[in-house]
């Protein structure tokens, strides 16, 4: 089983311009507010308080970078959708997220978190279809698998997959996860490590070529 040995908070940024140098591969996590993103990140990194957990939706309002094993960045993005903030702030989040996803050249893969307890949410579906239109590589992580019956979870997953296959010929990688039981922890980390080994050198070469 793969493990993350070292995780270090680097910085929080209000825009892509404030993000760390694009010298290392990045793997970003995003989802609706209160989807369990912080819990999942903490579980993957073997840290209880690396990412701040809150019962208040919309708590993450910045782009948060964490350096993992001195090799790649894990990026915690603001949640999309409902948040107890003003409309102007929601608009700012939306612009920030889209700008980062589309323009961040060292972003290798985006992990879209979806609450497995709920049936298809229009906003989640629209967001994933937008990623497909933009050609953004992403994986789906269905969270909170331990919070509902296996029957309900499987039904919801099938609904999402069926709906996405109406638009695409193949599905992106999908994982069913639980931050409590650590379900799919090894699979997600292995996926990141594989992509890092496959594409990480390209990111570093591109950064050095631009710098020179």
N, C-alpha and C. Protein backbone atom coordinates (compact mmCIF):
# COMPACT_ATOMS: atom_id res chain seq x y z
N UNK A 1 0.84 -1.21 0.00
CA UNK A 1 0.00 0.00 0.00
C UNK A 1 0.86 1.25 0.00
N UNK A 2 0.59 2.13 -0.92
CA UNK A 2 1.34 3.37 -1.01
C UNK A 2 0.95 4.32 0.12
N UNK A 3 1.92 5.04 0.58
CA UNK A 3 1.69 6.00 1.65
C UNK A 3 2.35 7.33 1.32
N UNK A 4 1.73 8.40 1.75
CA UNK A 4 2.34 9.71 1.68
C UNK A 4 3.15 9.88 2.96
N UNK A 5 4.42 10.14 2.82
CA UNK A 5 5.30 10.20 3.97
C UNK A 5 5.41 11.60 4.56
N UNK A 6 5.32 12.60 3.71
CA UNK A 6 5.50 13.98 4.19
C UNK A 6 4.52 14.91 3.50
N UNK A 7 3.83 15.72 4.26
CA UNK A 7 2.88 16.70 3.72
C UNK A 7 3.08 18.02 4.45
N UNK A 8 3.29 19.07 3.68
CA UNK A 8 3.61 20.36 4.27
C UNK A 8 2.79 21.47 3.61
N UNK A 9 2.11 22.26 4.43
CA UNK A 9 1.37 23.40 3.89
C UNK A 9 2.35 24.43 3.34
N UNK A 10 2.07 24.92 2.13
CA UNK A 10 2.97 25.88 1.49
C UNK A 10 2.40 27.30 1.55
N UNK A 11 1.19 27.48 0.97
CA UNK A 11 0.59 28.81 1.01
C UNK A 11 -0.86 28.76 0.52
N UNK A 12 -1.58 29.82 0.83
CA UNK A 12 -2.93 30.04 0.33
C UNK A 12 -2.89 31.21 -0.65
N UNK A 13 -3.61 31.07 -1.75
CA UNK A 13 -3.57 32.10 -2.79
C UNK A 13 -4.98 32.55 -3.16
N UNK A 14 -5.10 33.83 -3.47
CA UNK A 14 -6.39 34.38 -3.88
C UNK A 14 -6.60 34.29 -5.39
N UNK A 15 -5.53 34.03 -6.13
CA UNK A 15 -5.63 33.93 -7.58
C UNK A 15 -4.49 33.06 -8.10
N UNK A 16 -4.57 32.69 -9.36
CA UNK A 16 -3.54 31.86 -9.96
C UNK A 16 -2.18 32.58 -9.96
N UNK A 17 -2.22 33.90 -10.03
CA UNK A 17 -0.97 34.68 -10.05
C UNK A 17 -0.20 34.56 -8.74
N UNK A 18 -0.91 34.28 -7.66
CA UNK A 18 -0.27 34.17 -6.36
C UNK A 18 0.21 32.75 -6.04
N UNK A 19 -0.16 31.79 -6.88
CA UNK A 19 0.22 30.39 -6.62
C UNK A 19 1.73 30.20 -6.70
N UNK A 20 2.24 29.16 -6.06
CA UNK A 20 3.68 28.87 -6.13
C UNK A 20 4.12 28.66 -7.58
N UNK A 21 5.43 28.79 -7.82
CA UNK A 21 5.96 28.53 -9.16
C UNK A 21 5.48 27.18 -9.67
N UNK A 22 5.18 27.13 -10.96
CA UNK A 22 4.65 25.90 -11.56
C UNK A 22 5.78 24.91 -11.86
N UNK A 23 6.61 24.67 -10.87
CA UNK A 23 7.80 23.84 -11.05
C UNK A 23 7.58 22.38 -10.73
N UNK A 24 6.44 22.07 -10.12
CA UNK A 24 6.13 20.69 -9.74
C UNK A 24 4.73 20.31 -10.22
N UNK A 25 4.50 19.04 -10.47
CA UNK A 25 3.17 18.59 -10.87
C UNK A 25 2.14 18.87 -9.78
N UNK A 26 0.91 19.19 -10.19
CA UNK A 26 -0.14 19.47 -9.23
C UNK A 26 -1.33 18.55 -9.46
N UNK A 27 -1.92 18.13 -8.34
CA UNK A 27 -3.12 17.30 -8.36
C UNK A 27 -4.13 17.99 -7.44
N UNK A 28 -5.22 18.46 -8.03
CA UNK A 28 -6.15 19.31 -7.30
C UNK A 28 -7.43 18.57 -6.93
N UNK A 29 -8.02 18.96 -5.80
CA UNK A 29 -9.26 18.36 -5.30
C UNK A 29 -10.33 19.44 -5.20
N UNK A 30 -11.51 19.10 -5.71
CA UNK A 30 -12.60 20.07 -5.73
C UNK A 30 -13.93 19.35 -5.57
N UNK A 31 -14.94 20.06 -5.09
CA UNK A 31 -16.27 19.48 -4.95
C UNK A 31 -17.23 20.50 -4.38
N UNK A 32 -18.48 20.13 -4.31
CA UNK A 32 -19.47 21.01 -3.70
C UNK A 32 -19.10 21.26 -2.24
N UNK A 33 -19.58 22.36 -1.72
CA UNK A 33 -19.33 22.68 -0.32
C UNK A 33 -19.81 21.55 0.59
N UNK A 34 -18.98 21.22 1.57
CA UNK A 34 -19.31 20.21 2.58
C UNK A 34 -19.38 18.78 2.02
N UNK A 35 -18.60 18.52 0.97
CA UNK A 35 -18.60 17.20 0.35
C UNK A 35 -17.65 16.23 1.06
N UNK A 36 -16.85 16.76 1.99
CA UNK A 36 -15.90 15.92 2.71
C UNK A 36 -14.49 16.01 2.15
N UNK A 37 -14.21 17.14 1.48
CA UNK A 37 -12.92 17.31 0.82
C UNK A 37 -11.75 17.36 1.81
N UNK A 38 -11.90 18.16 2.86
CA UNK A 38 -10.82 18.26 3.85
C UNK A 38 -10.56 16.94 4.54
N UNK A 39 -11.63 16.21 4.85
CA UNK A 39 -11.47 14.90 5.50
C UNK A 39 -10.73 13.93 4.59
N UNK A 40 -11.04 13.96 3.29
CA UNK A 40 -10.38 13.07 2.34
C UNK A 40 -8.90 13.42 2.22
N UNK A 41 -8.60 14.71 2.12
CA UNK A 41 -7.20 15.14 2.01
C UNK A 41 -6.41 14.73 3.25
N UNK A 42 -7.00 14.94 4.41
CA UNK A 42 -6.33 14.54 5.65
C UNK A 42 -6.09 13.03 5.69
N UNK A 43 -7.07 12.27 5.22
CA UNK A 43 -6.94 10.81 5.21
C UNK A 43 -5.82 10.38 4.27
N UNK A 44 -5.77 10.96 3.08
CA UNK A 44 -4.74 10.60 2.11
C UNK A 44 -3.34 10.92 2.63
N UNK A 45 -3.24 12.02 3.38
CA UNK A 45 -1.93 12.48 3.85
C UNK A 45 -1.56 11.98 5.25
N UNK A 46 -2.42 11.17 5.84
CA UNK A 46 -2.17 10.65 7.20
C UNK A 46 -2.02 11.77 8.23
N UNK A 47 -2.79 12.83 8.04
CA UNK A 47 -2.72 13.97 8.96
C UNK A 47 -4.14 14.34 9.39
N UNK A 48 -4.33 14.59 10.67
CA UNK A 48 -5.67 14.92 11.17
C UNK A 48 -6.10 16.35 10.87
N UNK A 49 -5.13 17.26 10.82
CA UNK A 49 -5.49 18.67 10.71
C UNK A 49 -4.72 19.40 9.61
N UNK A 50 -4.29 18.66 8.59
CA UNK A 50 -3.57 19.31 7.49
C UNK A 50 -4.50 20.28 6.77
N UNK A 51 -5.65 19.77 6.35
CA UNK A 51 -6.69 20.61 5.75
C UNK A 51 -7.75 20.86 6.82
N UNK A 52 -8.18 22.09 6.94
CA UNK A 52 -9.13 22.45 7.99
C UNK A 52 -10.53 21.94 7.67
N UNK A 53 -11.10 21.23 8.64
CA UNK A 53 -12.45 20.68 8.48
C UNK A 53 -13.45 21.61 9.16
N UNK A 54 -14.55 21.87 8.49
CA UNK A 54 -15.56 22.74 9.07
C UNK A 54 -16.95 22.22 8.72
N UNK A 55 -17.89 22.42 9.61
CA UNK A 55 -19.28 22.05 9.34
C UNK A 55 -19.98 23.16 8.57
N UNK A 56 -19.28 24.28 8.39
CA UNK A 56 -19.85 25.41 7.66
C UNK A 56 -19.50 25.30 6.19
N UNK A 57 -20.48 25.15 5.30
CA UNK A 57 -20.20 25.08 3.86
C UNK A 57 -19.48 26.32 3.37
N UNK A 58 -18.56 26.15 2.43
CA UNK A 58 -17.87 27.29 1.84
C UNK A 58 -16.70 27.78 2.66
N UNK A 59 -16.19 26.95 3.56
CA UNK A 59 -15.10 27.37 4.44
C UNK A 59 -13.82 27.62 3.65
N UNK A 60 -13.51 26.75 2.69
CA UNK A 60 -12.33 26.93 1.86
C UNK A 60 -12.61 28.02 0.84
N UNK A 61 -11.89 29.14 0.97
CA UNK A 61 -12.13 30.27 0.09
C UNK A 61 -10.89 30.68 -0.69
N UNK A 62 -9.83 29.88 -0.56
CA UNK A 62 -8.58 30.19 -1.23
C UNK A 62 -8.05 28.93 -1.91
N UNK A 63 -7.05 29.11 -2.78
CA UNK A 63 -6.35 27.99 -3.38
C UNK A 63 -5.23 27.59 -2.43
N UNK A 64 -5.33 26.42 -1.83
CA UNK A 64 -4.36 25.99 -0.83
C UNK A 64 -3.42 24.94 -1.40
N UNK A 65 -2.12 25.23 -1.31
CA UNK A 65 -1.09 24.32 -1.82
C UNK A 65 -0.41 23.58 -0.68
N UNK A 66 -0.26 22.25 -0.86
CA UNK A 66 0.48 21.42 0.09
C UNK A 66 1.56 20.67 -0.69
N UNK A 67 2.79 20.71 -0.20
CA UNK A 67 3.88 19.99 -0.84
C UNK A 67 3.93 18.57 -0.30
N UNK A 68 3.86 17.61 -1.19
CA UNK A 68 3.80 16.20 -0.80
C UNK A 68 5.11 15.49 -1.17
N UNK A 69 5.76 14.94 -0.15
CA UNK A 69 7.00 14.17 -0.34
C UNK A 69 8.02 14.92 -1.19
N UNK A 70 7.99 16.25 -1.09
CA UNK A 70 8.92 17.13 -1.83
C UNK A 70 8.90 16.86 -3.33
N UNK A 71 7.81 16.29 -3.81
CA UNK A 71 7.75 15.85 -5.20
C UNK A 71 6.62 16.49 -6.00
N UNK A 72 5.46 16.68 -5.36
CA UNK A 72 4.30 17.23 -6.07
C UNK A 72 3.42 18.03 -5.12
N UNK A 73 2.55 18.83 -5.73
CA UNK A 73 1.62 19.64 -4.93
C UNK A 73 0.23 19.02 -4.91
N UNK A 74 -0.33 18.96 -3.74
CA UNK A 74 -1.76 18.65 -3.59
C UNK A 74 -2.44 20.00 -3.41
N UNK A 75 -3.47 20.25 -4.20
CA UNK A 75 -4.13 21.56 -4.18
C UNK A 75 -5.58 21.41 -3.74
N UNK A 76 -5.92 22.15 -2.70
CA UNK A 76 -7.28 22.16 -2.14
C UNK A 76 -7.98 23.40 -2.69
N UNK A 77 -8.95 23.17 -3.59
CA UNK A 77 -9.65 24.29 -4.24
C UNK A 77 -10.94 24.63 -3.51
N UNK A 78 -11.39 25.88 -3.63
CA UNK A 78 -12.67 26.27 -3.01
C UNK A 78 -13.82 25.42 -3.53
N UNK A 79 -14.79 25.13 -2.67
CA UNK A 79 -15.96 24.37 -3.09
C UNK A 79 -16.84 25.18 -4.01
N UNK A 80 -17.50 24.51 -4.94
CA UNK A 80 -18.43 25.21 -5.81
C UNK A 80 -19.85 24.94 -5.34
N UNK A 81 -20.76 25.75 -5.82
CA UNK A 81 -22.15 25.56 -5.42
C UNK A 81 -22.50 26.35 -4.19
N UNK A 82 -23.44 25.82 -3.41
CA UNK A 82 -23.96 26.54 -2.25
C UNK A 82 -22.88 26.83 -1.22
N UNK A 83 -22.85 28.05 -0.76
CA UNK A 83 -21.96 28.43 0.32
C UNK A 83 -22.56 29.64 1.03
N UNK A 84 -22.38 29.70 2.32
CA UNK A 84 -22.95 30.81 3.09
C UNK A 84 -22.07 32.05 2.97
N UNK A 85 -21.97 32.53 1.73
CA UNK A 85 -21.22 33.75 1.46
C UNK A 85 -22.05 34.57 0.48
N UNK A 86 -21.62 35.80 0.27
CA UNK A 86 -22.37 36.68 -0.61
C UNK A 86 -22.27 36.24 -2.06
N UNK A 87 -23.19 36.74 -2.89
CA UNK A 87 -23.17 36.40 -4.31
C UNK A 87 -21.89 36.88 -4.97
N UNK A 88 -21.39 38.01 -4.53
CA UNK A 88 -20.15 38.54 -5.12
C UNK A 88 -18.98 37.62 -4.83
N UNK A 89 -18.96 37.06 -3.61
CA UNK A 89 -17.88 36.14 -3.25
C UNK A 89 -18.01 34.84 -4.03
N UNK A 90 -19.25 34.35 -4.22
CA UNK A 90 -19.45 33.13 -5.00
C UNK A 90 -18.97 33.33 -6.43
N UNK A 91 -19.22 34.52 -6.97
CA UNK A 91 -18.76 34.85 -8.31
C UNK A 91 -17.24 34.86 -8.37
N UNK A 92 -16.63 35.38 -7.32
CA UNK A 92 -15.16 35.42 -7.24
C UNK A 92 -14.59 34.01 -7.20
N UNK A 93 -15.23 33.14 -6.38
CA UNK A 93 -14.79 31.75 -6.30
C UNK A 93 -14.85 31.09 -7.67
N UNK A 94 -16.00 31.31 -8.37
CA UNK A 94 -16.19 30.69 -9.67
C UNK A 94 -15.12 31.11 -10.66
N UNK A 95 -14.80 32.38 -10.68
CA UNK A 95 -13.78 32.90 -11.59
C UNK A 95 -12.41 32.33 -11.22
N UNK A 96 -12.12 32.31 -9.92
CA UNK A 96 -10.85 31.79 -9.43
C UNK A 96 -10.67 30.32 -9.82
N UNK A 97 -11.71 29.52 -9.61
CA UNK A 97 -11.65 28.09 -9.90
C UNK A 97 -11.44 27.85 -11.40
N UNK A 98 -12.25 28.51 -12.22
CA UNK A 98 -12.16 28.31 -13.67
C UNK A 98 -10.80 28.75 -14.20
N UNK A 99 -10.30 29.86 -13.71
CA UNK A 99 -9.00 30.37 -14.15
C UNK A 99 -7.90 29.38 -13.79
N UNK A 100 -7.94 28.86 -12.57
CA UNK A 100 -6.93 27.90 -12.14
C UNK A 100 -7.00 26.63 -12.99
N UNK A 101 -8.18 26.07 -13.15
CA UNK A 101 -8.34 24.80 -13.85
C UNK A 101 -7.91 24.90 -15.32
N UNK A 102 -8.27 25.99 -15.97
CA UNK A 102 -7.99 26.14 -17.39
C UNK A 102 -6.55 26.59 -17.66
N UNK A 103 -6.01 27.45 -16.81
CA UNK A 103 -4.73 28.08 -17.11
C UNK A 103 -3.52 27.52 -16.37
N UNK A 104 -3.73 26.76 -15.32
CA UNK A 104 -2.59 26.24 -14.56
C UNK A 104 -1.92 25.12 -15.33
N UNK A 105 -0.77 25.39 -15.92
CA UNK A 105 -0.11 24.48 -16.85
C UNK A 105 0.43 23.22 -16.20
N UNK A 106 0.72 23.26 -14.91
CA UNK A 106 1.29 22.08 -14.24
C UNK A 106 0.24 21.24 -13.53
N UNK A 107 -1.05 21.53 -13.80
CA UNK A 107 -2.13 20.71 -13.24
C UNK A 107 -2.21 19.42 -14.04
N UNK A 108 -1.91 18.30 -13.39
CA UNK A 108 -1.91 17.00 -14.06
C UNK A 108 -3.30 16.37 -14.06
N UNK A 109 -3.98 16.44 -12.92
CA UNK A 109 -5.29 15.81 -12.82
C UNK A 109 -6.13 16.49 -11.74
N UNK A 110 -7.42 16.55 -12.00
CA UNK A 110 -8.36 17.14 -11.06
C UNK A 110 -9.23 16.01 -10.49
N UNK A 111 -9.38 15.99 -9.18
CA UNK A 111 -10.22 14.98 -8.53
C UNK A 111 -11.51 15.66 -8.09
N UNK A 112 -12.60 15.29 -8.76
CA UNK A 112 -13.91 15.88 -8.48
C UNK A 112 -14.62 15.03 -7.44
N UNK A 113 -14.90 15.62 -6.29
CA UNK A 113 -15.54 14.89 -5.19
C UNK A 113 -17.05 15.03 -5.26
N UNK A 114 -17.75 13.92 -5.13
CA UNK A 114 -19.21 13.91 -5.16
C UNK A 114 -19.72 13.10 -3.98
N UNK A 115 -20.70 13.62 -3.29
CA UNK A 115 -21.28 12.95 -2.12
C UNK A 115 -22.09 11.75 -2.58
N UNK A 116 -21.65 10.56 -2.22
CA UNK A 116 -22.29 9.32 -2.70
C UNK A 116 -23.68 9.10 -2.10
N UNK A 117 -24.04 9.87 -1.08
CA UNK A 117 -25.34 9.69 -0.43
C UNK A 117 -26.49 10.25 -1.24
N UNK A 118 -26.17 11.13 -2.20
CA UNK A 118 -27.23 11.85 -2.92
C UNK A 118 -27.36 11.39 -4.37
N UNK A 119 -28.56 11.49 -4.89
CA UNK A 119 -28.78 11.22 -6.31
C UNK A 119 -28.15 12.35 -7.12
N UNK A 120 -28.23 12.27 -8.43
CA UNK A 120 -27.54 13.22 -9.30
C UNK A 120 -27.88 14.67 -8.94
N UNK A 121 -26.83 15.46 -8.75
CA UNK A 121 -26.97 16.89 -8.51
C UNK A 121 -26.63 17.61 -9.81
N UNK A 122 -27.52 18.48 -10.23
CA UNK A 122 -27.36 19.17 -11.52
C UNK A 122 -26.02 19.90 -11.61
N UNK A 123 -25.64 20.56 -10.54
CA UNK A 123 -24.41 21.35 -10.55
C UNK A 123 -23.17 20.47 -10.74
N UNK A 124 -23.17 19.29 -10.08
CA UNK A 124 -22.05 18.37 -10.24
C UNK A 124 -21.94 17.90 -11.69
N UNK A 125 -23.08 17.55 -12.26
CA UNK A 125 -23.11 17.06 -13.63
C UNK A 125 -22.64 18.14 -14.60
N UNK A 126 -23.15 19.36 -14.43
CA UNK A 126 -22.76 20.46 -15.31
C UNK A 126 -21.27 20.76 -15.20
N UNK A 127 -20.75 20.68 -13.98
CA UNK A 127 -19.33 20.96 -13.77
C UNK A 127 -18.46 19.91 -14.50
N UNK A 128 -18.82 18.65 -14.39
CA UNK A 128 -18.04 17.60 -15.04
C UNK A 128 -18.14 17.69 -16.56
N UNK A 129 -19.31 18.03 -17.07
CA UNK A 129 -19.46 18.18 -18.51
C UNK A 129 -18.64 19.37 -19.02
N UNK A 130 -18.55 20.42 -18.20
CA UNK A 130 -17.72 21.57 -18.55
C UNK A 130 -16.24 21.17 -18.62
N UNK A 131 -15.81 20.34 -17.66
CA UNK A 131 -14.43 19.85 -17.68
C UNK A 131 -14.16 19.07 -18.95
N UNK A 132 -15.14 18.25 -19.35
CA UNK A 132 -15.00 17.47 -20.59
C UNK A 132 -14.87 18.37 -21.80
N UNK A 133 -15.67 19.44 -21.85
CA UNK A 133 -15.62 20.38 -22.97
C UNK A 133 -14.26 21.07 -23.04
N UNK A 134 -13.68 21.34 -21.88
CA UNK A 134 -12.39 22.04 -21.82
C UNK A 134 -11.21 21.07 -21.97
N UNK A 135 -11.49 19.78 -22.00
CA UNK A 135 -10.43 18.80 -22.14
C UNK A 135 -9.55 18.68 -20.91
N UNK A 136 -10.13 18.89 -19.73
CA UNK A 136 -9.38 18.82 -18.47
C UNK A 136 -9.39 17.39 -17.95
N UNK A 137 -8.23 16.77 -17.76
CA UNK A 137 -8.20 15.41 -17.21
C UNK A 137 -8.72 15.41 -15.77
N UNK A 138 -9.63 14.50 -15.47
CA UNK A 138 -10.15 14.45 -14.11
C UNK A 138 -10.61 13.05 -13.74
N UNK A 139 -10.69 12.82 -12.44
CA UNK A 139 -11.22 11.58 -11.89
C UNK A 139 -12.36 11.93 -10.95
N UNK A 140 -13.26 10.98 -10.74
CA UNK A 140 -14.39 11.21 -9.84
C UNK A 140 -14.17 10.42 -8.55
N UNK A 141 -14.31 11.11 -7.42
CA UNK A 141 -14.20 10.44 -6.13
C UNK A 141 -15.53 10.59 -5.41
N UNK A 142 -16.24 9.49 -5.28
CA UNK A 142 -17.51 9.50 -4.55
C UNK A 142 -17.19 9.35 -3.06
N UNK A 143 -17.55 10.35 -2.27
CA UNK A 143 -17.17 10.40 -0.86
C UNK A 143 -18.26 9.87 0.07
N UNK A 144 -17.90 9.73 1.33
CA UNK A 144 -18.83 9.37 2.42
C UNK A 144 -19.55 8.05 2.18
N UNK A 145 -18.82 7.07 1.66
CA UNK A 145 -19.41 5.77 1.37
C UNK A 145 -19.94 5.08 2.62
N UNK A 146 -19.40 5.45 3.77
CA UNK A 146 -19.80 4.82 5.03
C UNK A 146 -21.04 5.47 5.65
N UNK A 147 -21.52 6.56 5.05
CA UNK A 147 -22.62 7.32 5.65
C UNK A 147 -24.00 6.90 5.15
N UNK A 148 -24.04 5.95 4.25
CA UNK A 148 -25.33 5.52 3.71
C UNK A 148 -25.27 4.04 3.38
N UNK A 149 -26.41 3.43 3.07
CA UNK A 149 -26.44 2.00 2.76
C UNK A 149 -25.75 1.74 1.42
N UNK A 150 -25.20 0.54 1.28
CA UNK A 150 -24.51 0.20 0.04
C UNK A 150 -25.48 0.22 -1.14
N UNK A 151 -26.74 -0.11 -0.88
CA UNK A 151 -27.74 -0.08 -1.94
C UNK A 151 -27.95 1.32 -2.48
N UNK A 152 -28.07 2.28 -1.58
CA UNK A 152 -28.27 3.67 -1.98
C UNK A 152 -27.05 4.21 -2.72
N UNK A 153 -25.88 3.91 -2.19
CA UNK A 153 -24.63 4.37 -2.80
C UNK A 153 -24.48 3.80 -4.21
N UNK A 154 -24.68 2.51 -4.37
CA UNK A 154 -24.54 1.88 -5.68
C UNK A 154 -25.55 2.43 -6.68
N UNK A 155 -26.76 2.68 -6.22
CA UNK A 155 -27.79 3.26 -7.08
C UNK A 155 -27.38 4.63 -7.58
N UNK A 156 -26.85 5.47 -6.67
CA UNK A 156 -26.44 6.82 -7.04
C UNK A 156 -25.26 6.81 -8.00
N UNK A 157 -24.30 5.91 -7.76
CA UNK A 157 -23.15 5.81 -8.65
C UNK A 157 -23.56 5.39 -10.06
N UNK A 158 -24.48 4.43 -10.14
CA UNK A 158 -24.97 3.97 -11.44
C UNK A 158 -25.68 5.09 -12.19
N UNK A 159 -26.43 5.93 -11.45
CA UNK A 159 -27.13 7.05 -12.07
C UNK A 159 -26.14 8.02 -12.71
N UNK A 160 -25.09 8.36 -11.96
CA UNK A 160 -24.09 9.28 -12.47
C UNK A 160 -23.40 8.71 -13.71
N UNK A 161 -22.99 7.45 -13.62
CA UNK A 161 -22.27 6.84 -14.73
C UNK A 161 -23.15 6.75 -15.98
N UNK A 162 -24.40 6.39 -15.78
CA UNK A 162 -25.33 6.29 -16.91
C UNK A 162 -25.52 7.65 -17.58
N UNK A 163 -25.67 8.67 -16.76
CA UNK A 163 -25.89 10.02 -17.30
C UNK A 163 -24.67 10.52 -18.05
N UNK A 164 -23.49 10.28 -17.51
CA UNK A 164 -22.26 10.73 -18.16
C UNK A 164 -22.03 10.00 -19.48
N UNK A 165 -22.43 8.73 -19.54
CA UNK A 165 -22.25 7.95 -20.76
C UNK A 165 -23.21 8.38 -21.87
N UNK A 166 -24.18 9.23 -21.52
CA UNK A 166 -25.04 9.80 -22.55
C UNK A 166 -24.27 10.87 -23.34
N UNK A 167 -23.19 11.37 -22.73
CA UNK A 167 -22.40 12.43 -23.36
C UNK A 167 -21.04 11.96 -23.83
N UNK A 168 -20.48 10.95 -23.17
CA UNK A 168 -19.13 10.46 -23.48
C UNK A 168 -19.15 8.97 -23.78
N UNK A 169 -18.15 8.53 -24.52
CA UNK A 169 -18.04 7.11 -24.85
C UNK A 169 -17.44 6.31 -23.70
N UNK A 170 -16.55 6.94 -22.96
CA UNK A 170 -15.93 6.28 -21.81
C UNK A 170 -15.98 7.19 -20.58
N UNK A 171 -15.90 6.58 -19.41
CA UNK A 171 -15.95 7.34 -18.17
C UNK A 171 -14.54 7.64 -17.67
N UNK A 172 -14.39 8.74 -16.93
CA UNK A 172 -13.12 8.98 -16.27
C UNK A 172 -12.95 7.97 -15.13
N UNK A 173 -11.75 7.83 -14.57
CA UNK A 173 -11.58 6.93 -13.43
C UNK A 173 -12.51 7.31 -12.29
N UNK A 174 -13.11 6.32 -11.64
CA UNK A 174 -14.04 6.57 -10.54
C UNK A 174 -13.60 5.80 -9.29
N UNK A 175 -13.72 6.45 -8.14
CA UNK A 175 -13.35 5.82 -6.87
C UNK A 175 -14.47 6.03 -5.86
N UNK A 176 -14.76 5.00 -5.10
CA UNK A 176 -15.70 5.11 -3.99
C UNK A 176 -14.87 5.19 -2.72
N UNK A 177 -15.02 6.27 -1.95
CA UNK A 177 -14.11 6.50 -0.84
C UNK A 177 -14.83 6.75 0.48
N UNK A 178 -14.07 6.57 1.54
CA UNK A 178 -14.52 6.90 2.89
C UNK A 178 -13.31 7.35 3.69
N UNK A 179 -13.39 8.53 4.27
CA UNK A 179 -12.28 9.03 5.09
C UNK A 179 -12.22 8.30 6.43
N UNK A 180 -13.31 7.62 6.79
CA UNK A 180 -13.37 6.87 8.05
C UNK A 180 -12.71 5.49 7.89
N UNK A 181 -13.14 4.75 6.89
CA UNK A 181 -12.60 3.40 6.67
C UNK A 181 -11.36 3.40 5.78
N UNK A 182 -11.05 4.57 5.22
CA UNK A 182 -9.90 4.73 4.32
C UNK A 182 -10.06 3.95 3.02
N UNK A 183 -11.30 3.74 2.64
CA UNK A 183 -11.62 3.07 1.39
C UNK A 183 -11.05 3.85 0.21
N UNK A 184 -10.36 3.16 -0.68
CA UNK A 184 -9.75 3.70 -1.91
C UNK A 184 -8.56 4.62 -1.65
N UNK A 185 -8.08 4.68 -0.43
CA UNK A 185 -6.90 5.51 -0.15
C UNK A 185 -5.72 5.08 -1.01
N UNK A 186 -5.40 3.79 -0.99
CA UNK A 186 -4.25 3.29 -1.74
C UNK A 186 -4.43 3.51 -3.24
N UNK A 187 -5.66 3.29 -3.73
CA UNK A 187 -5.91 3.42 -5.17
C UNK A 187 -5.71 4.86 -5.65
N UNK A 188 -6.19 5.82 -4.87
CA UNK A 188 -6.05 7.22 -5.27
C UNK A 188 -4.59 7.66 -5.22
N UNK A 189 -3.88 7.27 -4.16
CA UNK A 189 -2.46 7.62 -4.05
C UNK A 189 -1.66 6.95 -5.17
N UNK A 190 -1.95 5.70 -5.46
CA UNK A 190 -1.26 5.00 -6.55
C UNK A 190 -1.51 5.68 -7.88
N UNK A 191 -2.73 6.16 -8.09
CA UNK A 191 -3.08 6.87 -9.33
C UNK A 191 -2.24 8.14 -9.45
N UNK A 192 -2.17 8.89 -8.37
CA UNK A 192 -1.38 10.13 -8.39
C UNK A 192 0.10 9.82 -8.65
N UNK A 193 0.63 8.83 -7.96
CA UNK A 193 2.04 8.49 -8.13
C UNK A 193 2.35 8.02 -9.54
N UNK A 194 1.41 7.26 -10.12
CA UNK A 194 1.59 6.79 -11.50
C UNK A 194 1.61 7.96 -12.47
N UNK A 195 0.66 8.88 -12.33
CA UNK A 195 0.60 10.05 -13.20
C UNK A 195 1.82 10.94 -12.99
N UNK A 196 2.27 11.04 -11.75
CA UNK A 196 3.45 11.86 -11.44
C UNK A 196 4.68 11.30 -12.13
N UNK A 197 4.84 9.98 -12.09
CA UNK A 197 5.97 9.33 -12.74
C UNK A 197 5.89 9.48 -14.26
N UNK A 198 4.67 9.44 -14.77
CA UNK A 198 4.47 9.48 -16.21
C UNK A 198 4.62 10.88 -16.79
N UNK A 199 4.12 11.90 -16.05
CA UNK A 199 4.04 13.25 -16.61
C UNK A 199 4.83 14.30 -15.83
N UNK A 200 5.30 13.93 -14.64
CA UNK A 200 5.98 14.90 -13.78
C UNK A 200 7.20 15.54 -14.41
N UNK A 201 8.01 14.75 -15.11
CA UNK A 201 9.22 15.28 -15.73
C UNK A 201 8.89 16.32 -16.80
N UNK A 202 7.78 16.11 -17.52
CA UNK A 202 7.37 17.07 -18.54
C UNK A 202 7.07 18.43 -17.92
N UNK A 203 6.41 18.41 -16.77
CA UNK A 203 6.08 19.64 -16.07
C UNK A 203 7.35 20.40 -15.68
N UNK A 204 8.31 19.68 -15.12
CA UNK A 204 9.56 20.30 -14.69
C UNK A 204 10.34 20.86 -15.87
N UNK A 205 10.37 20.12 -16.99
CA UNK A 205 11.08 20.57 -18.19
C UNK A 205 10.44 21.83 -18.76
N UNK A 206 9.10 21.85 -18.78
CA UNK A 206 8.39 23.03 -19.30
C UNK A 206 8.68 24.25 -18.44
N UNK A 207 8.72 24.06 -17.12
CA UNK A 207 8.99 25.17 -16.22
C UNK A 207 10.40 25.71 -16.44
N UNK A 208 11.37 24.82 -16.56
CA UNK A 208 12.76 25.23 -16.74
C UNK A 208 12.97 25.92 -18.08
N UNK A 209 12.30 25.43 -19.12
CA UNK A 209 12.44 26.04 -20.44
C UNK A 209 11.88 27.46 -20.48
N UNK A 210 10.76 27.66 -19.77
CA UNK A 210 10.16 29.00 -19.71
C UNK A 210 11.02 29.94 -18.88
N UNK A 211 11.60 29.39 -17.82
CA UNK A 211 12.42 30.20 -16.93
C UNK A 211 13.69 30.67 -17.63
N UNK A 212 14.20 29.82 -18.51
CA UNK A 212 15.43 30.16 -19.23
C UNK A 212 15.13 30.97 -20.49
